[in-house]
Amino acid sequence: MTTEVIDIIHRQPVMAILRNMDPHRSVALATRAWDLGIDLVEVPIQSPDAIPSLAAVVKAGAERGKMVGAGTIISSEQVLKCVQFGVAFTVAPGLDEEIVKLCREAGLPHLPGVATASEIQTAVRLGCSVVKAFPASVLGPAWFKAMRGPFPDVSFVATGGVDASNATAFLDAGAATVAVGSALADERQLDMVAEIIASRR
């Protein structure tokens, strides 16, 4: 995993996930995220109709010097698409050794999804120092605190069911970053997200 991506995750408490949005809406919320100080933006491509949104956000990010990642990467075809569009990093819901290897060969930092100590250990063996803990709302903050003990050098991105109301609990428990989606579209949560970012820098 490139040092640049690791450094950003270590200093960036919030990642924006833009799922199931058309290109215009995706770019609008990505811009909102960047304006808030969120440098990590992910666009999941769980279906082919999400590809145009990814392409649009990658282009908008390039114009601002921002890295954009692609999520829900579970096939070799998706990895090829990521390379084609100039994606900066990839994220998956689970741990797939073949996807990890393909991304490494393509020069793409990859964040595999994990939910158990065994999966974390396998991810570390495969060279992944940053992982996506999913689903965070089911795992709970205590899980992050427990996993920090045996895996002090692993950075966890808490994903799934995280919003402005519970993000701090996950960060305090040991998550390096929390991934939020709906909070960016909710005016009531935007100020809370901004406060979290400001308090962690």
Protein backbone atom coordinates (compact mmCIF):
# COMPACT_ATOMS: atom_id res chain seq x y z
CA MET A 1 0.00 0.00 0.00
CA THR A 2 1.46 3.35 -0.99
CA THR A 3 2.77 5.61 1.74
CA GLU A 4 0.61 8.49 0.46
CA VAL A 5 -2.65 6.63 1.02
CA ILE A 6 -1.54 5.39 4.45
CA ASP A 7 -0.54 8.90 5.49
CA ILE A 8 -3.89 10.34 4.44
CA ILE A 9 -5.83 7.67 6.32
CA HIS A 10 -3.75 8.25 9.45
CA ARG A 11 -4.48 11.97 9.45
CA GLN A 12 -8.02 11.78 8.03
CA PRO A 13 -10.72 10.79 10.56
CA VAL A 14 -13.55 10.73 8.01
CA MET A 15 -13.98 9.01 4.64
CA ALA A 16 -16.93 9.83 2.39
CA ILE A 17 -18.79 6.99 0.66
CA LEU A 18 -21.01 8.01 -2.26
CA ARG A 19 -23.25 5.04 -3.01
CA ASN A 20 -26.19 4.74 -5.42
CA MET A 21 -26.02 8.30 -6.74
CA ASP A 22 -26.03 9.62 -10.28
CA PRO A 23 -22.87 11.34 -11.57
CA HIS A 24 -24.15 14.86 -10.90
CA ARG A 25 -25.15 14.09 -7.32
CA SER A 26 -21.94 12.15 -6.72
CA VAL A 27 -19.77 15.05 -7.83
CA ALA A 28 -21.84 17.50 -5.79
CA LEU A 29 -21.41 15.50 -2.59
CA ALA A 30 -17.75 14.78 -3.31
CA THR A 31 -17.22 18.51 -3.65
CA ARG A 32 -19.05 19.06 -0.37
CA ALA A 33 -16.79 16.48 1.27
CA TRP A 34 -13.62 18.10 -0.08
CA ASP A 35 -14.82 21.53 1.05
CA LEU A 36 -15.33 20.10 4.55
CA GLY A 37 -11.76 18.87 4.58
CA ILE A 38 -12.45 15.22 3.76
CA ASP A 39 -9.66 14.03 1.49
CA LEU A 40 -10.81 10.41 1.24
CA VAL A 41 -13.74 9.80 -1.11
CA GLU A 42 -14.95 6.38 -2.21
CA VAL A 43 -17.49 5.58 -4.92
CA PRO A 44 -18.79 1.98 -4.70
CA ILE A 45 -19.33 0.27 -8.04
CA GLN A 46 -21.47 -2.66 -7.00
CA SER A 47 -23.35 -2.45 -10.31
CA PRO A 48 -22.40 -1.33 -13.85
CA ASP A 49 -24.64 1.75 -13.65
CA ALA A 50 -22.37 3.12 -10.91
CA ILE A 51 -19.36 3.29 -13.27
CA PRO A 52 -20.29 6.72 -14.75
CA SER A 53 -20.49 8.16 -11.22
CA LEU A 54 -17.03 6.81 -10.40
CA ALA A 55 -15.59 8.25 -13.62
CA ALA A 56 -17.17 11.65 -12.93
CA VAL A 57 -15.86 11.86 -9.36
CA VAL A 58 -12.36 10.70 -10.36
CA LYS A 59 -12.29 13.46 -12.98
CA ALA A 60 -13.53 16.07 -10.50
CA GLY A 61 -10.98 14.87 -7.95
CA ALA A 62 -8.13 15.12 -10.43
CA GLU A 63 -9.04 18.74 -11.07
CA ARG A 64 -8.69 19.46 -7.34
CA GLY A 65 -5.73 17.19 -6.68
CA LYS A 66 -7.84 14.75 -4.64
CA MET A 67 -7.56 10.97 -4.63
CA VAL A 68 -10.73 8.98 -5.27
CA GLY A 69 -11.21 5.31 -4.43
CA ALA A 70 -13.60 2.67 -5.72
CA GLY A 71 -15.57 0.42 -3.41
CA THR A 72 -17.29 -2.96 -3.54
CA ILE A 73 -14.42 -4.36 -5.61
CA ILE A 74 -15.08 -8.09 -5.84
CA SER A 75 -14.04 -9.05 -9.38
CA SER A 76 -11.06 -8.83 -11.71
CA GLU A 77 -13.20 -6.89 -14.18
CA GLN A 78 -13.76 -4.18 -11.59
CA VAL A 79 -10.04 -3.98 -10.88
CA LEU A 80 -9.43 -3.39 -14.59
CA LYS A 81 -12.05 -0.63 -14.60
CA CYS A 82 -10.31 1.00 -11.65
CA VAL A 83 -7.03 1.02 -13.53
CA GLN A 84 -8.77 2.41 -16.61
CA PHE A 85 -10.30 5.34 -14.74
CA GLY A 86 -7.25 6.18 -12.65
CA VAL A 87 -8.67 5.21 -9.27
CA ALA A 88 -6.28 5.87 -6.35
CA PHE A 89 -7.29 2.97 -4.09
CA THR A 90 -9.82 0.15 -3.87
CA VAL A 91 -12.08 -1.12 -1.09
CA ALA A 92 -13.90 -4.44 -0.73
CA PRO A 93 -16.64 -5.72 1.60
CA GLY A 94 -14.65 -8.88 2.31
CA LEU A 95 -11.19 -10.42 2.11
CA ASP A 96 -10.38 -12.05 -1.22
CA GLU A 97 -6.74 -13.02 -1.71
CA GLU A 98 -7.05 -12.93 -5.50
CA ILE A 99 -8.40 -9.37 -5.47
CA VAL A 100 -5.63 -8.28 -3.09
CA LYS A 101 -3.02 -9.75 -5.45
CA LEU A 102 -4.62 -8.23 -8.56
CA CYS A 103 -4.72 -4.80 -6.97
CA ARG A 104 -1.11 -5.09 -5.86
CA GLU A 105 -0.06 -6.05 -9.39
CA ALA A 106 -1.98 -3.04 -10.71
CA GLY A 107 -0.32 -0.73 -8.19
CA LEU A 108 -3.60 -0.06 -6.40
CA PRO A 109 -3.67 0.16 -2.59
CA HIS A 110 -6.46 -2.16 -1.43
CA LEU A 111 -8.54 -2.09 1.75
CA PRO A 112 -10.12 -5.53 2.26
CA GLY A 113 -13.16 -5.96 4.45
CA VAL A 114 -12.62 -7.81 7.73
CA ALA A 115 -14.75 -8.81 10.71
CA THR A 116 -12.61 -11.37 12.55
CA ALA A 117 -9.09 -11.71 13.94
CA SER A 118 -8.36 -14.45 11.40
CA GLU A 119 -9.30 -12.18 8.51
CA ILE A 120 -7.15 -9.37 9.89
CA GLN A 121 -4.21 -11.75 10.27
CA THR A 122 -4.63 -12.93 6.69
CA ALA A 123 -4.86 -9.35 5.44
CA VAL A 124 -1.62 -8.49 7.23
CA ARG A 125 0.09 -11.55 5.72
CA LEU A 126 -1.02 -10.32 2.29
CA GLY A 127 0.55 -6.94 2.92
CA CYS A 128 -2.52 -4.91 3.88
CA SER A 129 -1.85 -2.52 6.76
CA VAL A 130 -5.19 -0.71 6.37
CA VAL A 131 -8.44 -2.68 6.45
CA LYS A 132 -12.14 -1.95 6.28
CA ALA A 133 -13.96 -3.16 9.41
CA PHE A 134 -17.42 -4.09 8.17
CA PRO A 135 -20.18 -3.87 9.26
CA ALA A 136 -19.03 -1.50 11.99
CA SER A 137 -22.50 -1.02 13.48
CA VAL A 138 -22.76 -4.76 14.09
CA LEU A 139 -19.18 -5.15 15.32
CA GLY A 140 -19.56 -2.21 17.70
CA PRO A 141 -16.89 0.11 19.17
CA ALA A 142 -15.73 -2.55 21.65
CA TRP A 143 -14.57 -4.73 18.74
CA PHE A 144 -12.15 -2.02 17.60
CA LYS A 145 -10.72 -1.63 21.08
CA ALA A 146 -10.23 -5.40 21.34
CA MET A 147 -8.55 -5.72 17.94
CA ARG A 148 -6.14 -2.87 18.57
CA GLY A 149 -4.42 -5.06 21.16
CA PRO A 150 -3.19 -7.92 18.94
CA PHE A 151 -2.95 -5.73 15.82
CA PRO A 152 -1.44 -2.40 16.92
CA ASP A 153 0.05 -1.70 13.49
CA VAL A 154 -3.20 -2.17 11.56
CA SER A 155 -5.35 0.85 10.72
CA PHE A 156 -9.09 0.21 10.78
CA VAL A 157 -11.66 2.08 8.69
CA ALA A 158 -15.04 1.70 10.41
CA THR A 159 -17.66 1.22 7.71
CA GLY A 160 -21.36 0.36 7.73
CA GLY A 161 -23.95 2.09 9.89
CA VAL A 162 -21.65 4.95 10.87
CA ASP A 163 -22.91 8.53 10.87
CA ALA A 164 -22.17 11.77 12.69
CA SER A 165 -23.98 10.62 15.82
CA ASN A 166 -21.80 7.57 16.51
CA ALA A 167 -18.58 8.32 14.62
CA THR A 168 -16.74 9.61 17.67
CA ALA A 169 -17.39 6.38 19.58
CA PHE A 170 -15.64 4.36 16.88
CA LEU A 171 -12.73 6.79 16.66
CA ASP A 172 -12.29 6.78 20.43
CA ALA A 173 -12.30 2.97 20.40
CA GLY A 174 -9.39 2.79 18.00
CA ALA A 175 -10.69 3.22 14.45
CA ALA A 176 -8.29 5.32 12.38
CA THR A 177 -11.09 6.54 10.14
CA VAL A 178 -14.87 6.35 9.96
CA ALA A 179 -16.69 6.07 6.64
CA VAL A 180 -19.90 8.08 6.33
CA GLY A 181 -22.37 8.41 3.50
CA SER A 182 -25.79 9.74 4.41
CA ALA A 183 -24.30 12.34 6.76
CA LEU A 184 -23.02 14.30 3.78
CA ALA A 185 -26.52 14.64 2.38
CA ASP A 186 -28.06 15.57 5.75
CA GLU A 187 -27.68 19.24 6.58
CA ARG A 188 -28.29 18.44 10.26
CA GLN A 189 -25.22 16.20 10.37
CA LEU A 190 -22.82 18.32 8.35
CA ASP A 191 -21.85 20.56 11.26
CA MET A 192 -21.24 17.48 13.42
CA VAL A 193 -19.00 15.96 10.74
CA ALA A 194 -17.07 19.24 10.47
CA GLU A 195 -16.59 19.30 14.24
CA ILE A 196 -15.26 15.72 14.23
CA ILE A 197 -12.74 16.58 11.52
CA ALA A 198 -11.61 19.72 13.32
CA SER A 199 -11.27 17.98 16.69
CA ARG A 200 -9.07 15.19 15.30
CA ARG A 201 -6.49 17.36 13.60
